[in-house]
Structure formats: C-alpha cells, structure tokens
Amino acid sequence: MKKIEAIIKPFKLDEVKEALQDVGLQGITVLEAKGFGRQKGHTELYRGAEYVIDFLPKVKLEVIVNDDQVDQAIEAIKKSAETGRIGDGKIFVSSVEQVIRIRTGETGAEAV
C-alpha cells in the first residue's frame, strides 16, 4: 500500500476529489495548510503599507491506496490540480506498512 500526499491550490479541491472518485478511490483526508515553494509568497498593500505574505493558503490531501491504484491516483491528481502556473503543488508517495480499521479491527487492504 502507498500513501499519496498532495499539496494543491484550494480552489482545485473539488476537481481533485471528483477525479479521485472517478478512478474508484474513496476515503480522502483533507487538511488546510499554508506554505510556499518557488512561488515565495506575494506582497499586499494595506492602508498604504506594503506587507509580504510568505505563507500562501494550500490544501493537503492524503489518500491510502493499493499498489495497483497508485498510477491512476497520481494521474487523476496531476490532471485535475494543474493550472499551468507556478504554485500548482506537489505530490509525495510513500510506503505504508500497516493499516488498521479501528471499528472492526480489519487490517491491510480490507481496512482501506
């Protein structure tokens, strides 16, 4: 099993969620996040003073998938989150050793 974490622009969340559902994935965790990469924030003018906004609003998605679903999930996220502009985000994939459903005690793929 793999854990896919994606940092995306907030307004792309619904499109990404639908794309993941279209490839048969359920169970998505969504976290509000702030951060910056090459985008390096931006400046805003407030009451005549200029402020640097370093941390931009982002959304972090987490989804656990079986190994055979990884490529489909990544492609769905890439296609639906892309705007073609800087700050579109990143996707991280890592291995998951064990999953346990608390309610039933199921483990492994059945728990996902």
N, C-alpha and C. Protein backbone atom coordinates (compact mmCIF):
# COMPACT_ATOMS: atom_id res chain seq x y z
N MET A 1 0.84 -1.18 0.00
CA MET A 1 0.00 0.00 0.00
C MET A 1 0.88 1.24 0.00
N LYS A 2 0.33 2.31 -0.52
CA LYS A 2 1.05 3.58 -0.60
C LYS A 2 0.20 4.70 -0.03
N LYS A 3 0.88 5.69 0.50
CA LYS A 3 0.23 6.91 0.96
C LYS A 3 0.59 8.00 -0.04
N ILE A 4 -0.43 8.62 -0.60
CA ILE A 4 -0.22 9.72 -1.54
C ILE A 4 -0.62 11.00 -0.84
N GLU A 5 0.32 11.93 -0.75
CA GLU A 5 0.05 13.25 -0.18
C GLU A 5 0.19 14.26 -1.31
N ALA A 6 -0.78 15.12 -1.44
CA ALA A 6 -0.74 16.13 -2.49
C ALA A 6 -1.01 17.50 -1.87
N ILE A 7 -0.15 18.45 -2.20
CA ILE A 7 -0.34 19.84 -1.79
C ILE A 7 -0.85 20.56 -3.03
N ILE A 8 -2.06 21.13 -2.95
CA ILE A 8 -2.68 21.75 -4.12
C ILE A 8 -3.26 23.12 -3.76
N LYS A 9 -3.66 23.85 -4.79
CA LYS A 9 -4.35 25.12 -4.58
C LYS A 9 -5.76 24.84 -4.08
N PRO A 10 -6.24 25.62 -3.12
CA PRO A 10 -7.54 25.34 -2.50
C PRO A 10 -8.72 25.28 -3.48
N PHE A 11 -8.72 26.11 -4.50
CA PHE A 11 -9.86 26.13 -5.42
C PHE A 11 -9.91 24.91 -6.34
N LYS A 12 -8.87 24.07 -6.30
CA LYS A 12 -8.83 22.85 -7.10
C LYS A 12 -9.32 21.63 -6.33
N LEU A 13 -9.67 21.80 -5.06
CA LEU A 13 -10.03 20.67 -4.21
C LEU A 13 -11.19 19.85 -4.77
N ASP A 14 -12.28 20.50 -5.17
CA ASP A 14 -13.44 19.77 -5.67
C ASP A 14 -13.12 18.97 -6.93
N GLU A 15 -12.34 19.57 -7.83
CA GLU A 15 -11.97 18.86 -9.06
C GLU A 15 -11.12 17.63 -8.75
N VAL A 16 -10.18 17.76 -7.82
CA VAL A 16 -9.31 16.64 -7.47
C VAL A 16 -10.14 15.55 -6.79
N LYS A 17 -11.02 15.93 -5.88
CA LYS A 17 -11.86 14.96 -5.19
C LYS A 17 -12.70 14.17 -6.18
N GLU A 18 -13.32 14.86 -7.14
CA GLU A 18 -14.13 14.18 -8.16
C GLU A 18 -13.28 13.26 -9.03
N ALA A 19 -12.08 13.71 -9.39
CA ALA A 19 -11.20 12.89 -10.22
C ALA A 19 -10.79 11.61 -9.49
N LEU A 20 -10.52 11.71 -8.19
CA LEU A 20 -10.17 10.53 -7.42
C LEU A 20 -11.35 9.58 -7.28
N GLN A 21 -12.54 10.14 -7.10
CA GLN A 21 -13.73 9.30 -7.03
C GLN A 21 -13.99 8.61 -8.36
N ASP A 22 -13.72 9.30 -9.46
CA ASP A 22 -13.92 8.72 -10.79
C ASP A 22 -13.03 7.51 -11.05
N VAL A 23 -11.84 7.47 -10.42
CA VAL A 23 -10.97 6.30 -10.59
C VAL A 23 -11.19 5.26 -9.51
N GLY A 24 -12.23 5.45 -8.71
CA GLY A 24 -12.65 4.44 -7.75
C GLY A 24 -12.06 4.55 -6.35
N LEU A 25 -11.49 5.69 -6.03
CA LEU A 25 -10.92 5.85 -4.70
C LEU A 25 -11.93 6.52 -3.77
N GLN A 26 -11.93 6.04 -2.55
CA GLN A 26 -12.76 6.64 -1.51
C GLN A 26 -11.81 7.10 -0.41
N GLY A 27 -12.33 7.60 0.67
CA GLY A 27 -11.51 7.90 1.83
C GLY A 27 -10.37 8.85 1.57
N ILE A 28 -10.66 10.12 1.61
CA ILE A 28 -9.65 11.15 1.41
C ILE A 28 -9.62 12.01 2.67
N THR A 29 -8.43 12.32 3.15
CA THR A 29 -8.28 13.25 4.26
C THR A 29 -7.82 14.57 3.69
N VAL A 30 -8.46 15.66 4.12
CA VAL A 30 -8.12 17.00 3.63
C VAL A 30 -7.74 17.88 4.80
N LEU A 31 -6.61 18.55 4.68
CA LEU A 31 -6.12 19.46 5.71
C LEU A 31 -5.87 20.83 5.09
N GLU A 32 -6.22 21.88 5.82
CA GLU A 32 -5.86 23.22 5.37
C GLU A 32 -4.40 23.43 5.74
N ALA A 33 -3.65 24.02 4.84
CA ALA A 33 -2.22 24.22 5.07
C ALA A 33 -1.81 25.59 4.56
N LYS A 34 -0.64 26.02 4.98
CA LYS A 34 -0.03 27.24 4.45
C LYS A 34 1.41 26.92 4.15
N GLY A 35 1.92 27.48 3.08
CA GLY A 35 3.30 27.21 2.74
C GLY A 35 3.72 27.97 1.50
N PHE A 36 4.97 27.76 1.11
CA PHE A 36 5.48 28.35 -0.12
C PHE A 36 6.63 27.52 -0.63
N GLY A 37 6.85 27.62 -1.91
CA GLY A 37 7.98 26.97 -2.55
C GLY A 37 8.63 28.00 -3.44
N ARG A 38 8.70 27.72 -4.71
CA ARG A 38 9.27 28.68 -5.65
C ARG A 38 8.40 29.92 -5.78
N GLN A 39 7.14 29.78 -5.41
CA GLN A 39 6.20 30.89 -5.50
C GLN A 39 6.61 32.04 -4.58
N LYS A 40 7.18 31.71 -3.44
CA LYS A 40 7.75 32.65 -2.48
C LYS A 40 6.79 33.72 -2.00
N GLY A 41 5.51 33.46 -2.00
CA GLY A 41 4.55 34.42 -1.47
C GLY A 41 4.34 35.61 -2.39
N HIS A 42 3.75 36.64 -1.83
CA HIS A 42 3.50 37.85 -2.60
C HIS A 42 3.36 39.03 -1.64
N THR A 43 3.27 40.24 -2.20
CA THR A 43 3.11 41.42 -1.35
C THR A 43 1.69 41.96 -1.50
N GLU A 44 1.19 42.54 -0.42
CA GLU A 44 -0.12 43.16 -0.43
C GLU A 44 -0.01 44.55 0.16
N LEU A 45 -0.87 45.41 -0.28
CA LEU A 45 -0.90 46.78 0.21
C LEU A 45 -2.08 46.92 1.17
N TYR A 46 -1.82 47.38 2.40
CA TYR A 46 -2.88 47.56 3.37
C TYR A 46 -2.67 48.90 4.06
N ARG A 47 -3.63 49.81 3.89
CA ARG A 47 -3.57 51.16 4.47
C ARG A 47 -2.26 51.85 4.15
N GLY A 48 -1.83 51.72 2.93
CA GLY A 48 -0.64 52.41 2.46
C GLY A 48 0.67 51.72 2.79
N ALA A 49 0.62 50.65 3.55
CA ALA A 49 1.85 49.93 3.88
C ALA A 49 1.89 48.61 3.12
N GLU A 50 3.07 48.24 2.70
CA GLU A 50 3.24 47.01 1.94
C GLU A 50 3.64 45.88 2.88
N TYR A 51 2.94 44.76 2.78
CA TYR A 51 3.21 43.59 3.61
C TYR A 51 3.57 42.41 2.72
N VAL A 52 4.51 41.62 3.19
CA VAL A 52 4.89 40.41 2.47
C VAL A 52 4.10 39.25 3.07
N ILE A 53 3.36 38.55 2.22
CA ILE A 53 2.64 37.36 2.63
C ILE A 53 3.48 36.16 2.21
N ASP A 54 4.22 35.59 3.18
CA ASP A 54 5.13 34.48 2.87
C ASP A 54 4.38 33.17 2.66
N PHE A 55 3.46 32.87 3.56
CA PHE A 55 2.78 31.58 3.54
C PHE A 55 1.44 31.70 2.83
N LEU A 56 1.32 31.01 1.72
CA LEU A 56 0.11 31.06 0.92
C LEU A 56 -0.82 29.92 1.31
N PRO A 57 -2.14 30.13 1.20
CA PRO A 57 -3.07 29.06 1.55
C PRO A 57 -2.97 27.90 0.55
N LYS A 58 -2.91 26.71 1.10
CA LYS A 58 -2.86 25.48 0.30
C LYS A 58 -3.79 24.46 0.95
N VAL A 59 -4.01 23.36 0.25
CA VAL A 59 -4.77 22.24 0.79
C VAL A 59 -3.89 21.01 0.65
N LYS A 60 -3.87 20.20 1.71
CA LYS A 60 -3.11 18.95 1.67
C LYS A 60 -4.10 17.79 1.68
N LEU A 61 -4.00 16.95 0.67
CA LEU A 61 -4.81 15.74 0.56
C LEU A 61 -3.97 14.54 0.94
N GLU A 62 -4.57 13.61 1.65
CA GLU A 62 -3.90 12.36 1.95
C GLU A 62 -4.83 11.22 1.57
N VAL A 63 -4.31 10.24 0.86
CA VAL A 63 -5.11 9.08 0.48
C VAL A 63 -4.21 7.84 0.50
N ILE A 64 -4.76 6.75 1.03
CA ILE A 64 -4.03 5.48 1.07
C ILE A 64 -4.63 4.58 -0.02
N VAL A 65 -3.75 4.03 -0.87
CA VAL A 65 -4.23 3.21 -1.99
C VAL A 65 -3.44 1.92 -2.06
N ASN A 66 -4.05 0.92 -2.70
CA ASN A 66 -3.32 -0.32 -3.01
C ASN A 66 -2.29 -0.02 -4.08
N ASP A 67 -1.25 -0.83 -4.13
CA ASP A 67 -0.16 -0.59 -5.08
C ASP A 67 -0.64 -0.49 -6.52
N ASP A 68 -1.67 -1.26 -6.88
CA ASP A 68 -2.15 -1.25 -8.26
C ASP A 68 -2.96 0.00 -8.61
N GLN A 69 -3.28 0.85 -7.63
CA GLN A 69 -4.06 2.06 -7.88
C GLN A 69 -3.20 3.33 -7.87
N VAL A 70 -1.93 3.21 -7.56
CA VAL A 70 -1.06 4.37 -7.38
C VAL A 70 -0.99 5.24 -8.63
N ASP A 71 -0.70 4.62 -9.77
CA ASP A 71 -0.53 5.40 -11.00
C ASP A 71 -1.82 6.11 -11.40
N GLN A 72 -2.96 5.45 -11.25
CA GLN A 72 -4.25 6.07 -11.57
C GLN A 72 -4.50 7.27 -10.67
N ALA A 73 -4.22 7.12 -9.39
CA ALA A 73 -4.46 8.20 -8.43
C ALA A 73 -3.56 9.39 -8.72
N ILE A 74 -2.29 9.13 -8.99
CA ILE A 74 -1.36 10.22 -9.29
C ILE A 74 -1.79 10.96 -10.54
N GLU A 75 -2.14 10.22 -11.57
CA GLU A 75 -2.57 10.85 -12.83
C GLU A 75 -3.83 11.68 -12.62
N ALA A 76 -4.77 11.17 -11.84
CA ALA A 76 -6.01 11.91 -11.56
C ALA A 76 -5.71 13.22 -10.84
N ILE A 77 -4.80 13.18 -9.87
CA ILE A 77 -4.44 14.39 -9.13
C ILE A 77 -3.73 15.37 -10.05
N LYS A 78 -2.76 14.89 -10.82
CA LYS A 78 -2.00 15.76 -11.71
C LYS A 78 -2.90 16.49 -12.69
N LYS A 79 -3.77 15.74 -13.35
CA LYS A 79 -4.64 16.34 -14.38
C LYS A 79 -5.62 17.34 -13.79
N SER A 80 -6.20 17.01 -12.63
CA SER A 80 -7.25 17.87 -12.08
C SER A 80 -6.70 19.05 -11.28
N ALA A 81 -5.48 18.98 -10.79
CA ALA A 81 -4.93 20.07 -9.98
C ALA A 81 -4.11 21.07 -10.79
N GLU A 82 -3.77 20.71 -12.01
CA GLU A 82 -2.89 21.57 -12.80
C GLU A 82 -3.59 22.80 -13.33
N THR A 83 -2.91 23.95 -13.15
CA THR A 83 -3.37 25.20 -13.78
C THR A 83 -2.34 25.67 -14.80
N GLY A 84 -1.13 25.11 -14.72
CA GLY A 84 -0.06 25.53 -15.62
C GLY A 84 0.72 26.72 -15.08
N ARG A 85 0.39 27.15 -13.87
CA ARG A 85 1.07 28.30 -13.28
C ARG A 85 1.86 27.86 -12.06
N ILE A 86 2.80 28.68 -11.67
CA ILE A 86 3.62 28.38 -10.51
C ILE A 86 2.74 28.23 -9.27
N GLY A 87 3.09 27.29 -8.40
CA GLY A 87 2.33 27.07 -7.18
C GLY A 87 1.24 26.02 -7.30
N ASP A 88 1.25 25.24 -8.40
CA ASP A 88 0.25 24.18 -8.57
C ASP A 88 0.36 23.11 -7.49
N GLY A 89 1.54 22.91 -6.95
CA GLY A 89 1.69 21.99 -5.84
C GLY A 89 2.64 20.84 -6.11
N LYS A 90 2.59 19.86 -5.21
CA LYS A 90 3.46 18.69 -5.29
C LYS A 90 2.69 17.45 -4.87
N ILE A 91 3.19 16.30 -5.31
CA ILE A 91 2.63 15.01 -4.91
C ILE A 91 3.77 14.19 -4.32
N PHE A 92 3.52 13.61 -3.15
CA PHE A 92 4.51 12.76 -2.47
C PHE A 92 3.91 11.36 -2.33
N VAL A 93 4.71 10.34 -2.59
CA VAL A 93 4.25 8.96 -2.46
C VAL A 93 5.20 8.24 -1.50
N SER A 94 4.62 7.58 -0.50
CA SER A 94 5.44 6.83 0.44
C SER A 94 4.77 5.49 0.74
N SER A 95 5.56 4.57 1.23
CA SER A 95 5.05 3.23 1.56
C SER A 95 4.31 3.24 2.89
N VAL A 96 3.28 2.41 2.98
CA VAL A 96 2.53 2.24 4.21
C VAL A 96 2.71 0.79 4.64
N GLU A 97 3.20 0.59 5.84
CA GLU A 97 3.47 -0.76 6.32
C GLU A 97 2.23 -1.47 6.80
N GLN A 98 1.34 -0.74 7.47
CA GLN A 98 0.17 -1.39 8.03
C GLN A 98 -0.98 -0.40 8.17
N VAL A 99 -2.19 -0.89 7.93
CA VAL A 99 -3.40 -0.11 8.13
C VAL A 99 -4.35 -0.93 8.98
N ILE A 100 -4.96 -0.30 9.97
CA ILE A 100 -5.90 -0.99 10.85
C ILE A 100 -7.15 -0.14 10.97
N ARG A 101 -8.30 -0.73 10.68
CA ARG A 101 -9.57 -0.03 10.88
C ARG A 101 -9.94 -0.20 12.35
N ILE A 102 -10.09 0.90 13.05
CA ILE A 102 -10.33 0.87 14.49
C ILE A 102 -11.64 0.17 14.83
N ARG A 103 -12.71 0.49 14.12
CA ARG A 103 -14.04 -0.04 14.45
C ARG A 103 -14.11 -1.56 14.37
N THR A 104 -13.56 -2.13 13.30
CA THR A 104 -13.72 -3.58 13.06
C THR A 104 -12.46 -4.39 13.33
N GLY A 105 -11.32 -3.73 13.42
CA GLY A 105 -10.07 -4.45 13.60
C GLY A 105 -9.49 -5.00 12.31
N GLU A 106 -10.14 -4.70 11.16
CA GLU A 106 -9.62 -5.18 9.88
C GLU A 106 -8.23 -4.58 9.66
N THR A 107 -7.40 -5.34 8.95
CA THR A 107 -6.05 -4.87 8.66
C THR A 107 -5.75 -4.96 7.18
N GLY A 108 -4.69 -4.30 6.76
CA GLY A 108 -4.25 -4.36 5.37
C GLY A 108 -5.23 -3.74 4.40
N ALA A 109 -5.32 -4.33 3.20
CA ALA A 109 -6.16 -3.77 2.14
C ALA A 109 -7.63 -3.70 2.52
N GLU A 110 -8.10 -4.62 3.36
CA GLU A 110 -9.50 -4.59 3.77
C GLU A 110 -9.82 -3.36 4.62
N ALA A 111 -8.82 -2.83 5.30
CA ALA A 111 -9.02 -1.66 6.17
C ALA A 111 -9.05 -0.35 5.39
N VAL A 112 -8.54 -0.39 4.17
CA VAL A 112 -8.54 0.83 3.36
C VAL A 112 -9.93 1.04 2.82
